Amino acid sequence: MREFESSNVVVLGASYDTIAANRAFAEKFQWPFKLLCDVDHAVGEAYGVDDPADPGYPRRASYLIGPDQRIVNVYDVTDAATHATDVLADLPPRP
């Protein structure tokens, strides 16, 4: 998304899937962002996204991390159609 790039925001996705599965997903859906593979669930567990209702699968969540590497906001993604707009609205104004 150009809005993120113009705001100097790096968007990364993370999934419990393998490299091959993430590559297939990215190609199928023309995913414009880098996808990280968390096959051992270490990152998901550290960020608390394991879904207790569906063990082994992460719930959809996003983290806005500031330039100081601190978490600015956590989003439970309930509506993918509006999620990017919600995150963009929370970005600090550009100098």
PDB file of N, CA and C in Angstrom:
ATOM      1  N   MET A   1       0.838  -1.177   0.000  1.00  0.00           N
ATOM      2  CA  MET A   1       0.000   0.000   0.000  1.00  0.00           C
ATOM      3  C   MET A   1       0.880   1.237   0.000  1.00  0.00           C
ATOM      4  N   ARG A   2       0.613   2.116  -0.907  1.00  0.00           N
ATOM      5  CA  ARG A   2       1.441   3.323  -1.037  1.00  0.00           C
ATOM      6  C   ARG A   2       1.388   4.212   0.201  1.00  0.00           C
ATOM      7  N   GLU A   3       0.245   4.237   0.867  1.00  0.00           N
ATOM      8  CA  GLU A   3       0.111   5.094   2.045  1.00  0.00           C
ATOM      9  C   GLU A   3       1.111   4.703   3.133  1.00  0.00           C
ATOM     10  N   PHE A   4       1.336   3.418   3.296  1.00  0.00           N
ATOM     11  CA  PHE A   4       2.309   2.965   4.293  1.00  0.00           C
ATOM     12  C   PHE A   4       3.723   3.336   3.861  1.00  0.00           C
ATOM     13  N   GLU A   5       4.041   3.089   2.603  1.00  0.00           N
ATOM     14  CA  GLU A   5       5.381   3.412   2.100  1.00  0.00           C
ATOM     15  C   GLU A   5       5.675   4.895   2.229  1.00  0.00           C
ATOM     16  N   SER A   6       4.703   5.742   1.892  1.00  0.00           N
ATOM     17  CA  SER A   6       4.942   7.184   1.958  1.00  0.00           C
ATOM     18  C   SER A   6       5.062   7.676   3.393  1.00  0.00           C
ATOM     19  N   SER A   7       4.607   6.867   4.347  1.00  0.00           N
ATOM     20  CA  SER A   7       4.742   7.210   5.767  1.00  0.00           C
ATOM     21  C   SER A   7       5.956   6.543   6.397  1.00  0.00           C
ATOM     22  N   ASN A   8       6.807   5.944   5.564  1.00  0.00           N
ATOM     23  CA  ASN A   8       7.996   5.224   6.035  1.00  0.00           C
ATOM     24  C   ASN A   8       7.650   4.087   6.990  1.00  0.00           C
ATOM     25  N   VAL A   9       6.546   3.403   6.721  1.00  0.00           N
ATOM     26  CA  VAL A   9       6.109   2.271   7.530  1.00  0.00           C
ATOM     27  C   VAL A   9       6.458   0.985   6.791  1.00  0.00           C
ATOM     28  N   VAL A  10       7.051   0.053   7.500  1.00  0.00           N
ATOM     29  CA  VAL A  10       7.340  -1.264   6.940  1.00  0.00           C
ATOM     30  C   VAL A  10       6.255  -2.215   7.431  1.00  0.00           C
ATOM     31  N   VAL A  11       5.602  -2.880   6.508  1.00  0.00           N
ATOM     32  CA  VAL A  11       4.552  -3.835   6.853  1.00  0.00           C
ATOM     33  C   VAL A  11       5.100  -5.243   6.651  1.00  0.00           C
ATOM     34  N   LEU A  12       4.989  -6.046   7.693  1.00  0.00           N
ATOM     35  CA  LEU A  12       5.392  -7.449   7.640  1.00  0.00           C
ATOM     36  C   LEU A  12       4.222  -8.300   8.105  1.00  0.00           C
ATOM     37  N   GLY A  13       4.012  -9.403   7.455  1.00  0.00           N
ATOM     38  CA  GLY A  13       3.026 -10.369   7.907  1.00  0.00           C
ATOM     39  C   GLY A  13       3.754 -11.540   8.536  1.00  0.00           C
ATOM     40  N   ALA A  14       3.108 -12.220   9.449  1.00  0.00           N
ATOM     41  CA  ALA A  14       3.697 -13.417  10.048  1.00  0.00           C
ATOM     42  C   ALA A  14       2.633 -14.505  10.084  1.00  0.00           C
ATOM     43  N   SER A  15       3.076 -15.716   9.858  1.00  0.00           N
ATOM     44  CA  SER A  15       2.160 -16.838   9.784  1.00  0.00           C
ATOM     45  C   SER A  15       2.845 -18.075  10.338  1.00  0.00           C
ATOM     46  N   TYR A  16       2.050 -19.017  10.800  1.00  0.00           N
ATOM     47  CA  TYR A  16       2.591 -20.290  11.255  1.00  0.00           C
ATOM     48  C   TYR A  16       2.886 -21.220  10.077  1.00  0.00           C
ATOM     49  N   ASP A  17       2.618 -20.767   8.877  1.00  0.00           N
ATOM     50  CA  ASP A  17       2.785 -21.590   7.686  1.00  0.00           C
ATOM     51  C   ASP A  17       4.244 -21.680   7.245  1.00  0.00           C
ATOM     52  N   THR A  18       4.505 -22.628   6.368  1.00  0.00           N
ATOM     53  CA  THR A  18       5.841 -22.836   5.817  1.00  0.00           C
ATOM     54  C   THR A  18       6.144 -21.796   4.741  1.00  0.00           C
ATOM     55  N   ILE A  19       7.390 -21.763   4.319  1.00  0.00           N
ATOM     56  CA  ILE A  19       7.786 -20.856   3.239  1.00  0.00           C
ATOM     57  C   ILE A  19       6.961 -21.136   1.991  1.00  0.00           C
ATOM     58  N   ALA A  20       6.807 -22.403   1.637  1.00  0.00           N
ATOM     59  CA  ALA A  20       6.046 -22.761   0.433  1.00  0.00           C
ATOM     60  C   ALA A  20       4.591 -22.315   0.545  1.00  0.00           C
ATOM     61  N   ALA A  21       3.979 -22.517   1.700  1.00  0.00           N
ATOM     62  CA  ALA A  21       2.582 -22.116   1.884  1.00  0.00           C
ATOM     63  C   ALA A  21       2.444 -20.598   1.833  1.00  0.00           C
ATOM     64  N   ASN A  22       3.373 -19.885   2.456  1.00  0.00           N
ATOM     65  CA  ASN A  22       3.321 -18.420   2.409  1.00  0.00           C
ATOM     66  C   ASN A  22       3.535 -17.908   0.994  1.00  0.00           C
ATOM     67  N   ARG A  23       4.432 -18.523   0.261  1.00  0.00           N
ATOM     68  CA  ARG A  23       4.676 -18.115  -1.127  1.00  0.00           C
ATOM     69  C   ARG A  23       3.405 -18.322  -1.963  1.00  0.00           C
ATOM     70  N   ALA A  24       2.754 -19.465  -1.794  1.00  0.00           N
ATOM     71  CA  ALA A  24       1.522 -19.748  -2.538  1.00  0.00           C
ATOM     72  C   ALA A  24       0.431 -18.743  -2.175  1.00  0.00           C
ATOM     73  N   PHE A  25       0.299 -18.426  -0.883  1.00  0.00           N
ATOM     74  CA  PHE A  25      -0.680 -17.431  -0.433  1.00  0.00           C
ATOM     75  C   PHE A  25      -0.400 -16.082  -1.081  1.00  0.00           C
ATOM     76  N   ALA A  26       0.859 -15.657  -1.038  1.00  0.00           N
ATOM     77  CA  ALA A  26       1.234 -14.347  -1.580  1.00  0.00           C
ATOM     78  C   ALA A  26       0.949 -14.272  -3.073  1.00  0.00           C
ATOM     79  N   GLU A  27       1.240 -15.341  -3.784  1.00  0.00           N
ATOM     80  CA  GLU A  27       0.977 -15.349  -5.223  1.00  0.00           C
ATOM     81  C   GLU A  27      -0.520 -15.361  -5.511  1.00  0.00           C
ATOM     82  N   LYS A  28      -1.264 -16.191  -4.802  1.00  0.00           N
ATOM     83  CA  LYS A  28      -2.708 -16.313  -5.032  1.00  0.00           C
ATOM     84  C   LYS A  28      -3.434 -14.999  -4.779  1.00  0.00           C
ATOM     85  N   PHE A  29      -3.072 -14.316  -3.699  1.00  0.00           N
ATOM     86  CA  PHE A  29      -3.783 -13.100  -3.312  1.00  0.00           C
ATOM     87  C   PHE A  29      -3.029 -11.822  -3.670  1.00  0.00           C
ATOM     88  N   GLN A  30      -1.938 -11.957  -4.416  1.00  0.00           N
ATOM     89  CA  GLN A  30      -1.106 -10.816  -4.803  1.00  0.00           C
ATOM     90  C   GLN A  30      -0.744  -9.974  -3.576  1.00  0.00           C
ATOM     91  N   TRP A  31      -0.298 -10.655  -2.550  1.00  0.00           N
ATOM     92  CA  TRP A  31       0.058 -10.034  -1.267  1.00  0.00           C
ATOM     93  C   TRP A  31       1.271  -9.138  -1.470  1.00  0.00           C
ATOM     94  N   PRO A  32       1.153  -7.840  -1.173  1.00  0.00           N
ATOM     95  CA  PRO A  32       2.251  -6.919  -1.477  1.00  0.00           C
ATOM     96  C   PRO A  32       3.331  -6.814  -0.399  1.00  0.00           C
ATOM     97  N   PHE A  33       3.143  -7.469   0.739  1.00  0.00           N
ATOM     98  CA  PHE A  33       4.059  -7.313   1.862  1.00  0.00           C
ATOM     99  C   PHE A  33       4.863  -8.592   2.089  1.00  0.00           C
ATOM    100  N   LYS A  34       5.983  -8.452   2.778  1.00  0.00           N
ATOM    101  CA  LYS A  34       6.796  -9.619   3.125  1.00  0.00           C
ATOM    102  C   LYS A  34       6.066 -10.448   4.179  1.00  0.00           C
ATOM    103  N   LEU A  35       6.185 -11.763   4.047  1.00  0.00           N
ATOM    104  CA  LEU A  35       5.588 -12.684   5.009  1.00  0.00           C
ATOM    105  C   LEU A  35       6.695 -13.439   5.739  1.00  0.00           C
ATOM    106  N   LEU A  36       6.606 -13.456   7.047  1.00  0.00           N
ATOM    107  CA  LEU A  36       7.563 -14.172   7.878  1.00  0.00           C
ATOM    108  C   LEU A  36       6.962 -15.516   8.277  1.00  0.00           C
ATOM    109  N   CYS A  37       7.781 -16.531   8.337  1.00  0.00           N
ATOM    110  CA  CYS A  37       7.330 -17.870   8.712  1.00  0.00           C
ATOM    111  C   CYS A  37       7.667 -18.126  10.179  1.00  0.00           C
ATOM    112  N   ASP A  38       6.647 -18.387  10.961  1.00  0.00           N
ATOM    113  CA  ASP A  38       6.815 -18.670  12.386  1.00  0.00           C
ATOM    114  C   ASP A  38       6.357 -20.105  12.642  1.00  0.00           C
ATOM    115  N   VAL A  39       7.013 -21.050  11.977  1.00  0.00           N
ATOM    116  CA  VAL A  39       6.552 -22.435  12.022  1.00  0.00           C
ATOM    117  C   VAL A  39       6.643 -23.064  13.412  1.00  0.00           C
ATOM    118  N   ASP A  40       7.511 -22.550  14.264  1.00  0.00           N
ATOM    119  CA  ASP A  40       7.588 -23.098  15.622  1.00  0.00           C
ATOM    120  C   ASP A  40       6.736 -22.307  16.614  1.00  0.00           C
ATOM    121  N   HIS A  41       6.002 -21.311  16.121  1.00  0.00           N
ATOM    122  CA  HIS A  41       5.052 -20.502  16.902  1.00  0.00           C
ATOM    123  C   HIS A  41       5.720 -19.643  17.971  1.00  0.00           C
ATOM    124  N   ALA A  42       7.022 -19.505  17.939  1.00  0.00           N
ATOM    125  CA  ALA A  42       7.737 -18.751  18.977  1.00  0.00           C
ATOM    126  C   ALA A  42       7.325 -17.286  18.993  1.00  0.00           C
ATOM    127  N   VAL A  43       7.234 -16.667  17.829  1.00  0.00           N
ATOM    128  CA  VAL A  43       6.853 -15.249  17.773  1.00  0.00           C
ATOM    129  C   VAL A  43       5.392 -15.087  18.164  1.00  0.00           C
ATOM    130  N   GLY A  44       4.535 -15.948  17.643  1.00  0.00           N
ATOM    131  CA  GLY A  44       3.112 -15.882  17.981  1.00  0.00           C
ATOM    132  C   GLY A  44       2.866 -16.031  19.469  1.00  0.00           C
ATOM    133  N   GLU A  45       3.572 -16.963  20.088  1.00  0.00           N
ATOM    134  CA  GLU A  45       3.435 -17.145  21.534  1.00  0.00           C
ATOM    135  C   GLU A  45       3.951 -15.923  22.282  1.00  0.00           C
ATOM    136  N   ALA A  46       5.073 -15.362  21.833  1.00  0.00           N
ATOM    137  CA  ALA A  46       5.636 -14.182  22.495  1.00  0.00           C
ATOM    138  C   ALA A  46       4.693 -12.986  22.410  1.00  0.00           C
ATOM    139  N   TYR A  47       3.980 -12.873  21.303  1.00  0.00           N
ATOM    140  CA  TYR A  47       3.049 -11.759  21.126  1.00  0.00           C
ATOM    141  C   TYR A  47       1.642 -12.097  21.606  1.00  0.00           C
ATOM    142  N   GLY A  48       1.431 -13.297  22.085  1.00  0.00           N
ATOM    143  CA  GLY A  48       0.142 -13.670  22.660  1.00  0.00           C
ATOM    144  C   GLY A  48      -0.977 -13.834  21.654  1.00  0.00           C
ATOM    145  N   VAL A  49      -0.674 -14.324  20.461  1.00  0.00           N
ATOM    146  CA  VAL A  49      -1.725 -14.442  19.449  1.00  0.00           C
ATOM    147  C   VAL A  49      -2.238 -15.869  19.262  1.00  0.00           C
ATOM    148  N   ASP A  50      -1.753 -16.830  20.038  1.00  0.00           N
ATOM    149  CA  ASP A  50      -2.334 -18.166  19.941  1.00  0.00           C
ATOM    150  C   ASP A  50      -3.814 -18.084  20.282  1.00  0.00           C
ATOM    151  N   ASP A  51      -4.623 -18.757  19.490  1.00  0.00           N
ATOM    152  CA  ASP A  51      -6.074 -18.709  19.677  1.00  0.00           C
ATOM    153  C   ASP A  51      -6.499 -19.868  20.575  1.00  0.00           C
ATOM    154  N   PRO A  52      -6.930 -19.570  21.816  1.00  0.00           N
ATOM    155  CA  PRO A  52      -7.311 -20.656  22.719  1.00  0.00           C
ATOM    156  C   PRO A  52      -8.492 -21.468  22.189  1.00  0.00           C
ATOM    157  N   ALA A  53      -9.339 -20.855  21.368  1.00  0.00           N
ATOM    158  CA  ALA A  53     -10.485 -21.570  20.806  1.00  0.00           C
ATOM    159  C   ALA A  53     -10.065 -22.522  19.693  1.00  0.00           C
ATOM    160  N   ASP A  54      -8.900 -22.286  19.113  1.00  0.00           N
ATOM    161  CA  ASP A  54      -8.426 -23.103  18.000  1.00  0.00           C
ATOM    162  C   ASP A  54      -6.917 -23.298  18.144  1.00  0.00           C
ATOM    163  N   PRO A  55      -6.498 -24.147  19.086  1.00  0.00           N
ATOM    164  CA  PRO A  55      -5.070 -24.314  19.366  1.00  0.00           C
ATOM    165  C   PRO A  55      -4.267 -24.628  18.095  1.00  0.00           C
ATOM    166  N   GLY A  56      -3.104 -24.027  18.032  1.00  0.00           N
ATOM    167  CA  GLY A  56      -2.245 -24.235  16.876  1.00  0.00           C
ATOM    168  C   GLY A  56      -2.440 -23.212  15.776  1.00  0.00           C
ATOM    169  N   TYR A  57      -3.441 -22.377  15.934  1.00  0.00           N
ATOM    170  CA  TYR A  57      -3.685 -21.331  14.947  1.00  0.00           C
ATOM    171  C   TYR A  57      -3.665 -19.977  15.644  1.00  0.00           C
ATOM    172  N   PRO A  58      -3.055 -18.987  15.019  1.00  0.00           N
ATOM    173  CA  PRO A  58      -3.047 -17.655  15.634  1.00  0.00           C
ATOM    174  C   PRO A  58      -4.341 -16.913  15.334  1.00  0.00           C
ATOM    175  N   ARG A  59      -4.737 -16.051  16.255  1.00  0.00           N
ATOM    176  CA  ARG A  59      -5.835 -15.136  15.934  1.00  0.00           C
ATOM    177  C   ARG A  59      -5.240 -14.010  15.116  1.00  0.00           C
ATOM    178  N   ARG A  60      -6.062 -13.323  14.354  1.00  0.00           N
ATOM    179  CA  ARG A  60      -5.565 -12.225  13.525  1.00  0.00           C
ATOM    180  C   ARG A  60      -5.346 -10.997  14.395  1.00  0.00           C
ATOM    181  N   ALA A  61      -4.125 -10.555  14.408  1.00  0.00           N
ATOM    182  CA  ALA A  61      -3.769  -9.379  15.196  1.00  0.00           C
ATOM    183  C   ALA A  61      -2.679  -8.623  14.461  1.00  0.00           C
ATOM    184  N   SER A  62      -2.630  -7.326  14.715  1.00  0.00           N
ATOM    185  CA  SER A  62      -1.575  -6.477  14.154  1.00  0.00           C
ATOM    186  C   SER A  62      -0.981  -5.651  15.272  1.00  0.00           C
ATOM    187  N   TYR A  63       0.288  -5.333  15.099  1.00  0.00           N
ATOM    188  CA  TYR A  63       1.006  -4.522  16.073  1.00  0.00           C
ATOM    189  C   TYR A  63       1.638  -3.358  15.346  1.00  0.00           C
ATOM    190  N   LEU A  64       1.358  -2.162  15.826  1.00  0.00           N
ATOM    191  CA  LEU A  64       2.024  -0.969  15.318  1.00  0.00           C
ATOM    192  C   LEU A  64       3.216  -0.732  16.235  1.00  0.00           C
ATOM    193  N   ILE A  65       4.403  -0.838  15.661  1.00  0.00           N
ATOM    194  CA  ILE A  65       5.640  -0.704  16.435  1.00  0.00           C
ATOM    195  C   ILE A  65       6.334   0.572  16.002  1.00  0.00           C
ATOM    196  N   GLY A  66       6.659   1.408  16.969  1.00  0.00           N
ATOM    197  CA  GLY A  66       7.254   2.711  16.683  1.00  0.00           C
ATOM    198  C   GLY A  66       8.728   2.623  16.354  1.00  0.00           C
ATOM    199  N   PRO A  67       9.303   3.756  15.948  1.00  0.00           N
ATOM    200  CA  PRO A  67      10.729   3.808  15.617  1.00  0.00           C
ATOM    201  C   PRO A  67      11.624   3.410  16.787  1.00  0.00           C
ATOM    202  N   ASP A  68      11.104   3.537  18.013  1.00  0.00           N
ATOM    203  CA  ASP A  68      11.881   3.155  19.198  1.00  0.00           C
ATOM    204  C   ASP A  68      11.732   1.662  19.517  1.00  0.00           C
ATOM    205  N   GLN A  69      11.063   0.926  18.625  1.00  0.00           N
ATOM    206  CA  GLN A  69      10.831  -0.514  18.726  1.00  0.00           C
ATOM    207  C   GLN A  69       9.881  -0.897  19.854  1.00  0.00           C
ATOM    208  N   ARG A  70       9.082   0.050  20.295  1.00  0.00           N
ATOM    209  CA  ARG A  70       8.061  -0.227  21.311  1.00  0.00           C
ATOM    210  C   ARG A  70       6.703  -0.353  20.632  1.00  0.00           C
ATOM    211  N   ILE A  71       5.849  -1.198  21.200  1.00  0.00           N
ATOM    212  CA  ILE A  71       4.509  -1.375  20.651  1.00  0.00           C
ATOM    213  C   ILE A  71       3.690  -0.129  20.944  1.00  0.00           C
ATOM    214  N   VAL A  72       3.161   0.468  19.890  1.00  0.00           N
ATOM    215  CA  VAL A  72       2.338   1.671  19.998  1.00  0.00           C
ATOM    216  C   VAL A  72       0.871   1.291  20.153  1.00  0.00           C
ATOM    217  N   ASN A  73       0.429   0.280  19.397  1.00  0.00           N
ATOM    218  CA  ASN A  73      -0.968  -0.133  19.449  1.00  0.00           C
ATOM    219  C   ASN A  73      -1.074  -1.590  19.027  1.00  0.00           C
ATOM    220  N   VAL A  74      -2.090  -2.256  19.559  1.00  0.00           N
ATOM    221  CA  VAL A  74      -2.398  -3.639  19.199  1.00  0.00           C
ATOM    222  C   VAL A  74      -3.802  -3.648  18.615  1.00  0.00           C
ATOM    223  N   TYR A  75      -3.956  -4.349  17.506  1.00  0.00           N
ATOM    224  CA  TYR A  75      -5.249  -4.410  16.824  1.00  0.00           C
ATOM    225  C   TYR A  75      -5.694  -5.863  16.724  1.00  0.00           C
ATOM    226  N   ASP A  76      -6.896  -6.160  17.200  1.00  0.00           N
ATOM    227  CA  ASP A  76      -7.528  -7.438  16.903  1.00  0.00           C
ATOM    228  C   ASP A  76      -8.251  -7.227  15.585  1.00  0.00           C
ATOM    229  N   VAL A  77      -7.807  -7.914  14.566  1.00  0.00           N
ATOM    230  CA  VAL A  77      -8.330  -7.675  13.226  1.00  0.00           C
ATOM    231  C   VAL A  77      -9.662  -8.399  13.076  1.00  0.00           C
ATOM    232  N   THR A  78     -10.736  -7.632  13.131  1.00  0.00           N
ATOM    233  CA  THR A  78     -12.070  -8.198  12.961  1.00  0.00           C
ATOM    234  C   THR A  78     -12.644  -7.875  11.591  1.00  0.00           C
ATOM    235  N   ASP A  79     -12.159  -6.805  10.967  1.00  0.00           N
ATOM    236  CA  ASP A  79     -12.639  -6.411   9.643  1.00  0.00           C
ATOM    237  C   ASP A  79     -11.442  -6.074   8.764  1.00  0.00           C
ATOM    238  N   ALA A  80     -11.049  -7.031   7.942  1.00  0.00           N
ATOM    239  CA  ALA A  80      -9.870  -6.833   7.091  1.00  0.00           C
ATOM    240  C   ALA A  80     -10.065  -5.680   6.113  1.00  0.00           C
ATOM    241  N   ALA A  81     -11.305  -5.386   5.747  1.00  0.00           N
ATOM    242  CA  ALA A  81     -11.574  -4.326   4.775  1.00  0.00           C
ATOM    243  C   ALA A  81     -11.229  -2.942   5.313  1.00  0.00           C
ATOM    244  N   THR A  82     -11.333  -2.740   6.614  1.00  0.00           N
ATOM    245  CA  THR A  82     -11.068  -1.418   7.188  1.00  0.00           C
ATOM    246  C   THR A  82      -9.782  -1.371   8.013  1.00  0.00           C
ATOM    247  N   HIS A  83      -9.130  -2.503   8.165  1.00  0.00           N
ATOM    248  CA  HIS A  83      -7.980  -2.572   9.067  1.00  0.00           C
ATOM    249  C   HIS A  83      -6.853  -1.618   8.673  1.00  0.00           C
ATOM    250  N   ALA A  84      -6.479  -1.587   7.414  1.00  0.00           N
ATOM    251  CA  ALA A  84      -5.381  -0.711   6.984  1.00  0.00           C
ATOM    252  C   ALA A  84      -5.706   0.746   7.266  1.00  0.00           C
ATOM    253  N   THR A  85      -6.940   1.137   7.026  1.00  0.00           N
ATOM    254  CA  THR A  85      -7.355   2.516   7.294  1.00  0.00           C
ATOM    255  C   THR A  85      -7.255   2.829   8.779  1.00  0.00           C
ATOM    256  N   ASP A  86      -7.633   1.875   9.619  1.00  0.00           N
ATOM    257  CA  ASP A  86      -7.538   2.068  11.070  1.00  0.00           C
ATOM    258  C   ASP A  86      -6.091   2.288  11.500  1.00  0.00           C
ATOM    259  N   VAL A  87      -5.181   1.489  10.957  1.00  0.00           N
ATOM    260  CA  VAL A  87      -3.768   1.624  11.318  1.00  0.00           C
ATOM    261  C   VAL A  87      -3.219   2.952  10.808  1.00  0.00           C
ATOM    262  N   LEU A  88      -3.529   3.295   9.569  1.00  0.00           N
ATOM    263  CA  LEU A  88      -3.046   4.567   9.011  1.00  0.00           C
ATOM    264  C   LEU A  88      -3.503   5.754   9.850  1.00  0.00           C
ATOM    265  N   ALA A  89      -4.715   5.682  10.381  1.00  0.00           N
ATOM    266  CA  ALA A  89      -5.240   6.778  11.203  1.00  0.00           C
ATOM    267  C   ALA A  89      -4.457   6.935  12.501  1.00  0.00           C
ATOM    268  N   ASP A  90      -3.817   5.866  12.956  1.00  0.00           N
ATOM    269  CA  ASP A  90      -3.057   5.914  14.210  1.00  0.00           C
ATOM    270  C   ASP A  90      -1.600   6.314  14.033  1.00  0.00           C
ATOM    271  N   LEU A  91      -1.156   6.468  12.789  1.00  0.00           N
ATOM    272  CA  LEU A  91       0.233   6.867  12.568  1.00  0.00           C
ATOM    273  C   LEU A  91       0.445   8.304  13.014  1.00  0.00           C
ATOM    274  N   PRO A  92       1.596   8.591  13.593  1.00  0.00           N
ATOM    275  CA  PRO A  92       1.864   9.976  13.986  1.00  0.00           C
ATOM    276  C   PRO A  92       1.970  10.856  12.748  1.00  0.00           C
ATOM    277  N   PRO A  93       1.653  12.139  12.894  1.00  0.00           N
ATOM    278  CA  PRO A  93       1.769  13.038  11.741  1.00  0.00           C
ATOM    279  C   PRO A  93       3.208  13.115  11.262  1.00  0.00           C
ATOM    280  N   ARG A  94       3.351  13.266   9.976  1.00  0.00           N
ATOM    281  CA  ARG A  94       4.699  13.406   9.405  1.00  0.00           C
ATOM    282  C   ARG A  94       5.213  14.804   9.656  1.00  0.00           C
ATOM    283  N   PRO A  95       6.516  14.910   9.938  1.00  0.00           N
ATOM    284  CA  PRO A  95       7.082  16.249  10.198  1.00  0.00           C
ATOM    285  C   PRO A  95       7.089  17.112   8.953  1.00  0.00           C
TER     286      PRO A  95
END
